[in-house]
Protein backbone atom coordinates (compact mmCIF):
# COMPACT_ATOMS: atom_id res chain seq x y z
CA MET A 1 60.39 112.35 135.67
CA THR A 2 61.64 115.68 134.26
CA ASN A 3 64.96 117.07 132.98
CA SER A 4 63.96 120.56 134.16
CA ASP A 5 67.33 120.89 135.94
CA ILE A 6 69.11 120.59 132.37
CA ASP A 7 68.66 123.66 130.44
CA ILE A 8 70.39 123.02 126.88
CA ASP A 9 69.91 126.39 125.99
CA ASP A 10 72.57 127.39 128.52
CA ALA A 11 75.11 125.63 126.40
CA LEU A 12 74.98 128.23 123.85
CA LYS A 13 75.66 131.15 126.17
CA PRO A 14 78.91 132.99 125.61
CA GLU A 15 79.97 132.16 129.18
CA ALA A 16 79.82 128.34 128.47
CA LEU A 17 83.00 127.72 127.56
CA THR A 18 84.81 124.27 127.07
CA THR A 19 88.42 123.18 127.04
CA GLY A 20 90.36 120.40 125.76
CA ARG A 21 88.47 119.01 122.89
CA SER A 22 90.46 117.77 119.97
CA VAL A 23 89.69 119.04 116.42
CA PHE A 24 91.11 118.92 112.83
CA LEU A 25 90.55 122.09 111.01
CA ALA A 26 89.85 122.78 107.10
CA PHE A 27 90.12 126.02 105.61
CA GLN A 28 88.00 126.79 102.42
CA GLY A 29 89.69 128.88 99.32
CA GLY A 30 88.16 132.01 98.64
CA GLY A 31 90.41 134.79 97.84
CA ALA A 32 90.25 138.04 100.05
CA ARG A 33 87.54 136.49 101.38
CA GLY A 34 89.92 134.41 103.50
CA ILE A 35 90.02 136.94 106.02
CA ALA A 36 86.92 135.53 107.46
CA HIS A 37 89.05 132.60 108.77
CA VAL A 38 90.95 134.55 111.27
CA GLY A 39 87.27 134.68 112.96
CA GLY A 40 87.05 131.29 112.73
CA LEU A 41 90.24 130.43 114.23
CA SER A 42 89.33 132.93 117.13
CA ALA A 43 86.18 131.12 117.78
CA VAL A 44 88.48 127.89 118.43
CA ASN A 45 91.27 129.41 120.32
CA ASN A 46 88.66 131.50 122.80
CA LEU A 47 86.61 127.73 123.10
CA ASN A 48 90.05 126.35 124.30
CA LEU A 49 90.18 123.68 121.70
CA THR A 50 93.40 121.39 120.73
CA ILE A 51 94.14 121.75 117.29
CA SER A 52 95.51 118.31 116.20
CA GLY A 53 95.91 119.28 112.15
CA VAL A 54 95.26 121.69 109.91
CA ALA A 55 94.19 121.59 105.90
CA GLY A 56 93.42 124.04 103.54
CA THR A 57 93.22 124.98 99.93
CA SER A 58 93.86 128.39 98.18
CA ALA A 59 93.47 131.19 100.60
CA GLY A 60 92.86 128.36 103.06
CA ALA A 61 96.05 127.07 102.32
CA ILE A 62 97.78 130.26 103.73
CA MET A 63 95.64 130.17 106.82
CA ALA A 64 96.41 126.51 107.38
CA ALA A 65 100.25 126.91 107.15
CA LEU A 66 100.12 130.01 109.45
CA VAL A 67 97.91 127.97 111.80
CA ALA A 68 100.43 124.70 111.62
CA ALA A 69 103.05 127.30 112.74
CA HIS A 70 101.05 128.04 115.92
CA TYR A 71 99.70 131.45 114.83
CA ARG A 72 96.68 132.57 117.15
CA ALA A 73 93.99 134.42 115.51
CA ASP A 74 94.80 138.02 117.24
CA ALA A 75 98.43 137.75 115.95
CA LEU A 76 97.00 137.24 112.39
CA PHE A 77 94.53 140.31 112.82
CA ASN A 78 93.30 142.06 115.76
CA PRO A 79 90.32 144.16 115.08
CA GLU A 80 90.16 145.94 118.21
CA ALA A 81 94.05 146.79 118.02
CA ARG A 82 93.94 147.40 114.62
CA THR A 83 97.07 145.26 114.15
CA HIS A 84 97.74 142.50 111.95
CA LEU A 85 100.65 140.06 110.79
CA LEU A 86 101.74 141.99 107.89
CA GLN A 87 103.14 145.00 110.17
CA SER A 88 105.26 142.31 112.26
CA VAL A 89 106.41 139.56 110.07
CA ALA A 90 109.27 140.09 107.82
CA ASN A 91 110.36 143.20 109.61
CA GLY A 92 106.87 144.74 108.31
CA ARG A 93 108.22 144.81 104.79
CA TYR A 94 104.60 144.77 103.16
CA GLN A 95 102.40 146.43 105.52
CA ARG A 96 99.49 145.92 103.27
CA ALA A 97 98.10 142.94 101.37
CA THR A 98 98.38 144.59 97.83
CA ALA A 99 101.76 145.03 98.47
CA LEU A 100 102.61 141.47 97.85
CA PHE A 101 101.30 141.68 94.30
CA GLY A 102 103.89 144.89 93.76
CA LYS A 103 103.06 146.75 90.29
CA ASP A 104 100.74 143.77 89.17
CA TRP A 105 98.32 145.08 91.60
CA SER A 106 97.00 147.31 89.23
CA ALA A 107 96.18 144.73 86.66
CA ILE A 108 94.13 142.93 89.33
CA ARG A 109 92.39 146.01 90.00
CA THR A 110 91.42 146.62 86.30
CA LEU A 111 90.23 142.89 86.21
CA ARG A 112 87.92 143.61 89.19
CA ARG A 113 86.78 146.95 87.66
CA ALA A 114 85.88 144.82 84.37
CA ALA A 115 84.00 142.21 86.36
CA GLY A 116 81.97 145.03 87.81
CA ILE A 117 81.20 146.50 84.61
CA GLY A 118 80.30 143.23 82.82
CA LYS A 119 78.10 142.65 86.08
CA ALA A 120 76.35 145.84 85.36
CA ILE A 121 75.72 145.14 81.69
CA ALA A 122 74.57 142.00 82.97
CA GLY A 123 72.00 143.48 85.02
CA TRP A 124 71.07 146.22 82.48
CA VAL A 125 70.46 143.27 79.78
CA LYS A 126 68.46 141.29 82.37
CA THR A 127 65.95 144.28 83.24
CA SER A 128 65.65 145.21 79.44
CA GLY A 129 64.48 141.70 78.54
CA LEU A 130 67.09 141.26 76.06
CA ASP A 131 68.16 138.20 77.96
CA LEU A 132 64.74 136.51 77.54
CA ILE A 133 64.59 137.48 73.51
CA TRP A 134 68.28 136.02 73.18
CA SER A 135 67.41 132.93 75.18
CA GLN A 136 64.38 132.10 73.06
CA VAL A 137 66.31 132.90 69.76
CA TRP A 138 69.21 130.82 70.97
CA SER A 139 67.31 127.73 72.35
CA GLN A 140 65.85 127.07 68.63
CA ARG A 141 68.00 125.28 66.13
CA LYS A 142 66.88 127.89 63.44
CA GLY A 143 67.61 130.61 65.90
CA LYS A 144 71.43 129.27 66.13
CA ALA A 145 71.46 129.20 62.68
CA ALA A 146 70.21 132.67 61.89
CA VAL A 147 72.78 134.04 64.72
CA VAL A 148 75.77 132.61 62.95
CA ALA A 149 74.54 133.68 59.29
CA ALA A 150 73.93 137.14 60.60
CA GLY A 151 77.56 137.03 61.99
CA LEU A 152 79.05 136.17 58.83
CA VAL A 153 77.00 138.69 56.80
CA LEU A 154 78.52 141.23 59.15
CA ALA A 155 81.98 140.15 58.77
CA LEU A 156 81.70 140.34 55.03
CA MET A 157 80.34 143.68 55.08
CA VAL A 158 83.18 144.90 57.26
CA VAL A 159 85.41 143.21 54.82
CA TRP A 160 83.79 144.45 51.68
CA HIS A 161 83.02 148.30 52.72
CA VAL A 162 85.59 149.24 55.55
CA PRO A 163 88.41 151.17 53.87
CA ARG A 164 91.78 149.26 54.29
CA PRO A 165 93.26 151.77 56.39
CA ALA A 166 90.46 151.52 59.03
CA LEU A 167 90.33 147.63 58.46
CA ALA A 168 94.26 147.71 59.63
CA VAL A 169 93.65 149.64 62.74
CA LEU A 170 90.58 147.04 63.37
CA LEU A 171 92.80 144.12 62.70
CA ALA A 172 95.60 145.58 65.06
CA LEU A 173 93.07 146.45 67.86
CA LEU A 174 91.92 142.68 67.64
CA ALA A 175 95.70 141.74 67.89
CA GLY A 176 96.03 143.99 70.94
CA LEU A 177 92.98 142.28 72.49
CA GLY A 178 94.30 138.96 71.74
CA TRP A 179 97.71 139.82 73.30
CA VAL A 180 95.50 141.08 76.61
CA ALA A 181 93.76 137.74 76.18
CA ILE A 182 96.90 135.81 76.35
CA ARG A 183 98.20 137.88 79.11
CA TYR A 184 95.14 137.21 81.15
CA LEU A 185 94.98 133.76 80.55
CA LYS A 186 98.78 133.35 81.68
CA GLY A 187 97.91 135.16 84.78
CA LEU A 188 98.20 138.82 85.97
CA ALA A 189 100.41 138.62 89.18
CA SER A 190 103.24 136.75 90.49
CA LEU A 191 103.10 134.75 93.94
CA ARG A 192 106.72 135.54 94.59
CA GLU A 193 106.41 137.74 97.48
CA VAL A 194 103.62 135.76 98.90
CA ARG A 195 105.71 132.91 98.86
CA GLU A 196 108.42 134.84 100.47
CA LEU A 197 105.96 136.08 103.29
CA VAL A 198 104.81 132.52 103.96
CA ASP A 199 108.38 131.02 104.28
CA VAL A 200 109.33 133.80 106.72
CA ALA A 201 106.31 133.68 108.74
CA ILE A 202 106.51 129.90 109.24
CA ALA A 203 110.15 130.38 110.23
CA GLU A 204 109.62 133.20 112.56
CA GLY A 205 106.29 131.39 113.97
CA LEU A 206 108.09 128.20 114.86
CA ASN A 207 111.44 130.14 115.73
CA ILE A 208 113.40 128.48 112.86
CA LYS A 209 116.61 130.24 111.92
CA SER A 210 117.05 128.73 108.35
CA ARG A 211 114.69 129.40 105.24
CA GLU A 212 113.06 127.21 102.85
CA ILE A 213 111.18 125.39 105.47
CA THR A 214 110.01 121.89 104.35
CA PHE A 215 107.14 119.83 105.63
CA GLU A 216 109.31 117.59 107.65
CA GLN A 217 111.22 120.43 109.03
CA MET A 218 108.17 121.92 110.09
CA MET A 219 107.17 118.79 112.12
CA GLU A 220 110.79 118.52 113.62
CA HIS A 221 110.51 122.00 115.11
CA GLY A 222 106.88 121.25 116.65
CA GLY A 223 104.62 122.54 113.66
CA LEU A 224 101.12 120.97 113.47
CA PRO A 225 100.39 118.34 110.96
CA LEU A 226 99.58 120.22 107.73
CA LYS A 227 97.93 119.19 104.45
CA LEU A 228 97.66 121.45 101.37
CA VAL A 229 95.74 120.92 98.05
CA ALA A 230 96.80 121.99 94.77
CA THR A 231 95.82 121.37 90.99
CA ASN A 232 98.87 119.62 89.05
CA VAL A 233 98.53 120.76 85.72
CA SER A 234 101.89 118.61 84.77
CA GLY A 235 100.28 115.72 86.07
CA LYS A 236 96.71 116.44 85.26
CA SER A 237 95.68 115.40 89.08
CA LEU A 238 95.33 116.25 92.44
CA GLU A 239 98.25 117.02 94.46
CA LEU A 240 97.96 116.52 98.44
CA PHE A 241 101.28 118.11 99.92
CA SER A 242 101.99 116.81 103.50
CA VAL A 243 104.49 115.12 105.66
CA GLU A 244 103.33 111.81 104.61
CA THR A 245 103.29 112.35 100.85
CA THR A 246 105.91 115.07 100.13
CA PRO A 247 108.08 115.39 103.34
CA THR A 248 110.98 117.70 101.19
CA ALA A 249 108.63 119.83 99.69
CA VAL A 250 109.12 123.42 100.83
CA VAL A 251 105.78 124.28 102.71
CA ALA A 252 105.80 128.13 101.18
CA ASP A 253 105.90 126.55 97.44
CA ALA A 254 103.20 124.20 98.00
CA VAL A 255 101.10 127.26 99.40
CA ALA A 256 101.90 129.28 96.29
CA ALA A 257 101.04 126.19 94.29
CA SER A 258 97.66 125.85 95.99
CA ILE A 259 96.56 129.54 95.67
CA CYS A 260 97.15 130.14 91.84
CA LEU A 261 93.80 131.31 90.78
CA PRO A 262 93.73 131.18 87.17
CA ILE A 263 93.77 134.51 85.15
CA VAL A 264 94.51 136.53 88.44
CA PHE A 265 97.74 134.58 89.36
CA GLN A 266 100.47 133.09 87.20
CA PRO A 267 100.88 129.32 87.55
CA TRP A 268 103.48 128.30 90.11
CA THR A 269 106.12 125.54 89.12
CA PHE A 270 108.76 124.16 91.27
CA ALA A 271 110.76 120.95 91.80
CA PHE A 272 109.92 118.66 94.42
CA ALA A 273 109.65 114.79 95.12
CA ARG A 274 107.37 112.71 96.56
CA ARG A 275 107.96 110.06 99.34
CA GLY A 276 109.77 107.30 97.85
CA GLN A 277 111.24 109.54 94.74
CA ASP A 278 115.17 109.90 94.83
CA GLU A 279 114.98 112.97 92.43
CA LYS A 280 112.95 116.40 92.19
CA VAL A 281 110.75 116.45 89.43
CA GLU A 282 109.89 120.12 88.28
CA GLN A 283 106.02 120.33 88.15
CA GLN A 284 103.41 123.15 87.37
CA PHE A 285 100.36 123.87 89.53
CA ILE A 286 97.27 126.00 89.62
CA ASP A 287 94.56 126.71 92.08
CA GLY A 288 93.72 123.92 94.60
CA GLY A 289 90.13 124.83 94.58
CA LEU A 290 89.69 123.41 90.84
CA VAL A 291 89.92 119.93 92.35
CA SER A 292 88.92 120.32 96.12
CA ASN A 293 88.33 123.82 97.60
CA LEU A 294 87.50 122.51 101.05
CA PRO A 295 89.86 119.35 101.84
CA ALA A 296 88.41 117.96 105.00
CA TRP A 297 88.42 114.45 103.52
CA THR A 298 92.35 114.83 104.00
CA PHE A 299 91.80 113.80 107.81
CA ASP A 300 89.96 110.58 106.89
CA GLU A 301 92.49 108.57 108.36
CA ASP A 302 93.68 110.50 111.08
CA ARG A 303 90.04 110.45 112.30
CA ALA A 304 89.77 106.74 112.34
CA LEU A 305 92.74 106.53 114.54
CA GLN A 306 91.67 109.77 116.71
CA PRO A 307 87.88 108.69 117.22
CA ASP A 308 87.30 111.52 119.87
CA THR A 309 88.54 113.82 117.41
CA VAL A 310 86.16 115.93 114.93
CA THR A 311 87.08 117.85 111.78
CA VAL A 312 85.78 121.46 111.75
CA ALA A 313 85.55 122.54 108.14
CA PHE A 314 85.42 126.40 107.81
CA GLY A 315 83.50 127.54 104.53
CA LEU A 316 83.41 130.85 102.87
CA GLN A 317 80.41 132.54 101.68
CA PRO A 318 78.64 135.87 100.68
CA PRO A 319 76.23 137.43 102.77
CA ARG A 320 72.86 135.90 102.25
CA SER A 321 71.42 138.70 100.76
CA ALA A 322 74.19 139.36 98.07
CA GLU A 323 74.28 135.36 97.58
CA ASP A 324 70.63 135.58 96.25
CA ALA A 325 71.36 138.37 93.30
CA LYS A 326 72.34 136.70 90.17
CA PRO A 327 75.88 137.31 89.48
CA ASN A 328 77.12 137.90 85.81
CA TRP A 329 78.94 134.80 84.27
CA PHE A 330 82.63 135.69 85.44
CA THR A 331 81.72 136.40 88.83
CA ALA A 332 79.80 133.45 88.90
CA ALA A 333 82.49 131.17 87.26
CA LEU A 334 85.25 132.65 89.68
CA GLN A 335 83.08 131.84 92.61
CA THR A 336 82.52 128.30 91.42
CA VAL A 337 86.25 127.80 91.42
CA VAL A 338 86.98 129.45 94.63
CA ALA A 339 84.02 128.00 96.55
CA GLY A 340 82.66 124.95 94.72
CA PRO A 341 79.42 122.92 95.63
CA PRO A 342 79.78 121.85 99.77
CA GLU A 343 78.37 118.48 98.87
CA VAL A 344 81.27 117.65 97.06
CA HIS A 345 83.49 118.39 99.84
CA PHE A 346 81.57 116.47 102.49
CA ARG A 347 80.52 113.49 100.69
CA GLY A 348 81.06 110.60 102.96
CA ILE A 349 82.81 112.35 105.58
CA ASP A 350 81.93 111.33 109.12
CA ARG A 351 82.63 113.23 112.13
CA MET A 352 82.68 116.62 110.44
CA VAL A 353 81.26 120.06 111.31
CA HIS A 354 80.77 122.48 108.27
CA VAL A 355 81.05 126.14 109.46
CA PRO A 356 79.98 128.52 106.76
CA LEU A 357 81.56 131.81 107.26
CA GLU A 358 80.07 135.02 105.97
CA SER A 359 82.19 137.74 104.16
CA ALA A 360 81.07 140.97 102.75
CA ILE A 361 84.09 141.57 100.49
CA THR A 362 84.88 140.11 97.16
CA VAL A 363 87.18 137.52 96.28
CA LEU A 364 89.72 140.34 94.76
CA ASP A 365 89.13 142.76 97.35
CA PHE A 366 92.61 142.64 98.79
CA ASP A 367 92.61 146.55 99.35
CA ALA A 368 89.62 146.34 101.67
CA ASP A 369 90.08 148.86 104.65
CA LEU A 370 90.76 147.47 108.41
CA ASP A 371 87.32 148.39 109.23
CA THR A 372 85.59 146.31 106.69
CA LEU A 373 88.01 143.20 107.15
CA GLY A 374 87.46 143.79 111.08
CA LYS A 375 83.32 143.51 110.60
CA ASP A 376 83.79 140.25 108.34
CA VAL A 377 86.45 138.94 111.35
CA GLU A 378 83.93 139.59 114.32
CA LYS A 379 80.81 138.37 112.36
CA ALA A 380 82.65 135.14 111.57
CA ARG A 381 83.94 134.71 115.34
CA SER A 382 80.26 134.85 116.60
CA ASP A 383 79.00 132.76 113.97
CA ALA A 384 81.67 130.23 114.41
CA THR A 385 81.40 130.16 117.96
CA LEU A 386 77.73 129.36 118.01
CA GLN A 387 78.24 126.54 115.44
CA ILE A 388 80.88 125.06 117.14
CA LYS A 389 79.44 125.17 120.57
CA LEU A 390 76.17 123.44 118.99
CA HIS A 391 77.74 120.65 117.19
CA VAL A 392 81.20 119.95 118.55
CA THR A 393 81.62 121.20 122.40
CA ALA A 394 78.92 122.32 124.76
CA VAL A 395 75.59 121.00 123.20
CA PRO A 396 76.90 117.47 122.73
CA GLU A 397 78.01 117.68 126.67
CA ALA A 398 74.85 118.71 127.51
CA VAL A 399 72.94 115.89 125.41
CA ARG A 400 75.21 113.51 127.44
CA GLN A 401 74.48 114.92 130.53
CA VAL A 402 70.55 114.83 129.84
CA LEU A 403 70.98 110.74 129.07
CA ALA A 404 73.25 110.22 132.11
CA ASP A 405 70.46 111.97 134.10
CA LEU A 406 67.94 109.86 132.37
CA GLN A 407 70.02 106.63 133.04
CA GLU A 408 70.24 107.75 136.91
CA GLN A 409 66.56 108.90 137.45
CA LEU A 410 64.62 106.44 135.24
CA GLY A 411 66.79 103.37 136.81
CA GLY A 412 66.08 104.44 140.32
CA ALA A 413 62.29 104.77 139.52
CA LEU A 414 62.24 101.41 138.31
CA ARG A 415 64.09 99.67 141.03
CA GLU A 416 61.57 101.19 143.43
CA VAL A 417 58.51 99.85 141.43
CA PHE A 418 60.00 96.35 140.84
CA GLY A 419 62.01 96.04 143.96
CA LEU A 420 65.28 95.85 142.71
CA GLU A 421 68.43 96.08 144.39
CA ALA A 422 71.01 98.30 143.17
CA PRO A 423 73.94 96.19 141.71
CA GLY A 424 76.50 98.43 142.72
CA VAL A 425 77.46 102.24 142.11
CA ASP A 426 79.18 101.50 138.86
CA GLU A 427 76.65 99.36 137.36
CA PRO A 428 73.55 101.11 136.59
CA LEU A 429 70.08 99.19 135.82
CA PHE A 430 70.68 99.67 131.88
CA ARG A 431 72.69 101.80 129.49
CA ILE A 432 71.26 104.13 126.67
CA ALA A 433 72.64 105.04 123.06
CA LEU A 434 71.16 107.42 120.87
CA ALA A 435 70.73 106.62 117.09
CA ILE A 436 70.54 109.31 114.87
CA GLN A 437 69.78 110.34 111.31
CA LYS A 438 72.16 112.89 109.79
CA PRO A 439 70.74 115.66 107.67
CA THR A 440 72.72 114.51 104.63
CA ASP A 441 71.62 110.77 105.09
CA ARG A 442 68.36 109.31 103.63
CA LYS A 443 68.31 105.32 104.25
CA SER A 444 69.76 105.07 107.78
CA LEU A 445 70.42 106.54 111.06
CA ALA A 446 73.92 105.77 113.26
CA ILE A 447 75.01 105.69 117.06
CA ALA A 448 75.71 109.16 117.90
CA TYR A 449 75.83 109.12 121.91
CA GLU A 450 76.46 106.32 124.52
CA VAL A 451 76.17 106.06 128.11
CA GLY A 452 77.63 103.14 129.81
CA HIS A 453 79.10 101.09 127.38
CA PRO A 454 82.50 99.84 127.64
CA VAL A 455 83.15 99.14 123.95
CA SER A 456 81.88 101.96 121.66
CA GLN A 457 79.46 101.35 118.61
CA ARG A 458 79.53 105.06 117.76
CA GLY A 459 79.13 105.72 114.23
CA VAL A 460 77.83 102.34 113.37
CA ARG A 461 74.80 102.42 110.94
CA PHE A 462 71.19 101.17 110.89
CA GLY A 463 68.73 101.15 107.94
CA LEU A 464 65.56 102.67 108.31
CA ALA A 465 63.80 99.74 106.35
CA ALA A 466 65.68 96.85 107.54
CA SER A 467 66.66 96.89 111.27
CA ASP A 468 65.23 96.90 114.57
CA VAL A 469 66.20 100.39 115.11
CA GLY A 470 64.61 101.64 111.94
CA ALA A 471 61.44 99.63 112.86
CA ALA A 472 61.28 101.44 115.99
CA TRP A 473 61.33 104.98 114.46
CA GLN A 474 58.53 103.49 111.67
CA GLY A 475 56.31 103.02 114.60
CA ASN A 476 57.29 99.46 115.81
CA PRO A 477 59.24 99.79 118.67
CA ARG A 478 60.13 96.51 120.52
CA VAL A 479 62.26 94.82 123.08
CA SER A 480 64.32 91.59 122.58
CA ARG A 481 66.72 89.24 124.11
CA VAL A 482 69.83 88.14 122.84
CA SER A 483 69.72 87.93 118.67
CA ASP A 484 71.80 88.54 116.07
CA GLU A 485 70.45 92.22 115.70
CA GLN A 486 71.47 93.38 119.02
CA VAL A 487 73.33 96.98 118.55
CA TYR A 488 75.76 95.80 121.50
CA LYS A 489 77.10 92.23 121.38
CA ASP A 490 77.26 91.81 124.88
CA ALA A 491 73.59 92.98 125.58
CA VAL A 492 71.24 90.34 127.21
CA TRP A 493 68.29 92.52 126.40
CA THR A 494 67.78 95.47 124.09
CA GLY A 495 64.76 97.86 123.49
CA TYR A 496 64.46 100.76 121.32
CA VAL A 497 62.10 104.01 121.88
CA PRO A 498 61.51 106.45 119.11
CA VAL A 499 62.24 110.32 119.84
CA TYR A 500 59.75 112.75 118.11
CA ASP A 501 60.15 116.31 117.84
CA ARG A 502 56.83 116.73 116.36
CA GLU A 503 53.64 115.14 116.92
CA PRO A 504 53.55 111.56 115.39
CA LEU A 505 50.73 110.61 113.31
CA GLU A 506 48.26 108.05 114.40
CA SER A 507 47.08 105.07 111.92
CA ASP A 508 43.80 103.75 112.33
CA ASP A 509 45.18 100.72 114.19
CA GLY A 510 46.63 103.10 116.75
CA SER A 511 50.11 102.76 115.91
CA LEU A 512 52.18 106.17 115.38
CA THR A 513 54.26 107.03 112.61
CA PRO A 514 56.59 109.76 112.47
CA ALA A 515 55.78 113.13 110.83
CA PRO A 516 56.77 113.53 107.19
CA GLY A 517 60.52 114.75 106.69
CA GLU A 518 61.37 114.54 110.38
CA ALA A 519 64.78 112.79 110.99
CA ALA A 520 65.05 109.94 112.61
CA VAL A 521 66.12 109.53 116.38
CA VAL A 522 65.67 106.25 118.39
CA ALA A 523 67.03 105.72 121.97
CA VAL A 524 68.46 102.27 122.41
CA PHE A 525 68.23 101.14 125.97
CA ASP A 526 70.10 97.58 126.93
CA SER A 527 71.93 96.03 129.65
CA ALA A 528 74.74 93.19 129.99
CA ARG A 529 73.15 91.95 132.94
CA PRO A 530 69.98 89.89 133.04
CA LEU A 531 67.21 90.96 135.18
CA PRO A 532 66.22 89.10 138.09
CA ALA A 533 64.76 85.86 137.42
CA ARG A 534 61.31 86.73 138.68
CA ILE A 535 61.08 89.32 135.97
CA TRP A 536 63.51 87.47 133.31
CA ASP A 537 61.75 84.24 133.42
CA ASP A 538 58.14 85.46 133.47
CA ARG A 539 57.20 87.02 130.08
CA ASP A 540 54.18 89.28 131.11
CA GLU A 541 56.42 90.66 134.13
CA PHE A 542 59.57 91.32 131.61
CA GLU A 543 57.08 93.01 129.25
CA ASP A 544 55.60 94.99 131.91
CA PHE A 545 59.02 96.19 132.89
CA TRP A 546 59.87 96.97 129.52
CA LEU A 547 56.51 99.08 129.02
CA GLN A 548 57.00 101.24 132.20
CA LEU A 549 60.64 101.91 130.91
CA SER A 550 59.84 102.85 127.43
CA GLU A 551 56.61 105.10 128.64
CA ALA A 552 58.71 107.15 131.07
CA ALA A 553 61.27 107.38 128.65
CA SER A 554 59.34 108.49 126.04
CA GLU A 555 57.99 111.30 128.39
CA PHE A 556 61.16 112.37 129.61
CA LEU A 557 62.64 112.86 126.03
CA ALA A 558 59.34 114.14 124.57
CA GLN A 559 60.02 117.45 126.61
CA PRO A 560 60.14 120.54 124.34
CA ASP A 561 63.45 121.07 121.93
CA VAL A 562 64.96 117.73 123.40
CA GLY A 563 64.38 115.95 120.07
CA GLN A 564 65.56 119.09 118.00
CA TYR A 565 68.67 119.48 120.19
CA PHE A 566 69.48 115.64 119.51
CA ARG A 567 69.09 116.00 115.91
CA ARG A 568 70.69 119.59 115.45
CA SER A 569 73.98 118.10 117.46
CA ALA A 570 74.72 115.20 115.67
CA ALA A 571 76.68 116.93 112.25
CA TRP A 572 79.74 115.47 113.77
CA VAL A 573 78.88 111.74 113.76
């Protein structure tokens, strides 16, 4: 028995498109790197996926708001035509991204240069070995005391020996530096123009004549469900803006609140009312990346109501070669704010696919040329297309086809061997489900695929150490009649077959155990119809039936790369 007529690799070819699959999109913050999100959206558009809602933080908030207003990727930026949204929205008032910051752009550019100088100095310190000397001195208690004492002595020497006029100049310089520091802490640039652009773009995208578009107005005019995250400084909390939580809040204000990267942008303050509040209250906000920079979790309830919809979470990251280099402290801190660890964003989220998009530009490269931006967008589109097809569309469909073929071919072969009559066109001999251990799971596996079950159990978990499914993976496959541990309650018999991608290890007693580190995959066979009495009532005959089924299934599923594709296609479970 073979599945040679099914080639899962075909699913990853560019021409293997799919249509209609519903997805939620979440966009991560990342400053100027957010241009890569256009490539991610382009992949979604080209795969003809249906967008059911969008969420975003910081730069991702701008992207989410535009997508919610039904902008497609080629309207935001078309690398081939060298056209972009700024050329058309608001009568082309801005043309370039830096025009959104006005005279404040020079301050942002100065900050970027200072960060570059700091990085160069940090590199020199590292290569010279001074960082090792400093770390050894500072790591010791006496070393800290010596450094503090030396600083005090130096300060006293300056006070005693430096002439008063020179000391006055020095103090004036320190005061000036203090003023600069205070200004930097308050934020270098205003977001007024960005806020205006977003408001106009939403109105034009949804063909709304008025301005100051609120979340409820956006929905009334056909916009997609939109969720934005910001850090509420006034309330010292996370703020989730949406039609459910803040229906009368202006979307452009929520976007401005979400993108206030500390130091770079001034905090955004505006008045709004949460649902149930009669009066608006003025609140101050800074960048949402401080609390949740990739808000895939905002669709948890929506996914529960739409079980066939998957969340695609677009992340942002530098190219790997650049990521491996050790950044200076400022760059590292800024990157932490605008990116954050993905483990935090995804913890406990089911049916979610993380698609990291690489960007060669830095967080503050708002003046990058069109060629550079185009390369980022094209690479992001290519990478996103592959990942989405692998985890969401073509490959999962191919996996289901493999299981359907197994059901048909193996069922037909068993009928011939045991002389069974076909119960009917719509009633196969058995049903199949796949339980798969996700890469982030350590103690359990969950139902990922099903063929022939009227009531879905997808997502139901089973412990590796305390279940029949887990026991099968640990080398103890079995078949059972009706019991409390049946995966599907209508089943009259259930059997379990482990699916190994690597050669399992054989114990002294002849039993097989999985190779270390291999993610668990178990095929679950069952039926709601009892077998004929001559098989059902004869224990030996029933065991022979199961032996032939399990051996044939193992051979079918052990073909090259089948188990690997099963594992790799389960990120959305």
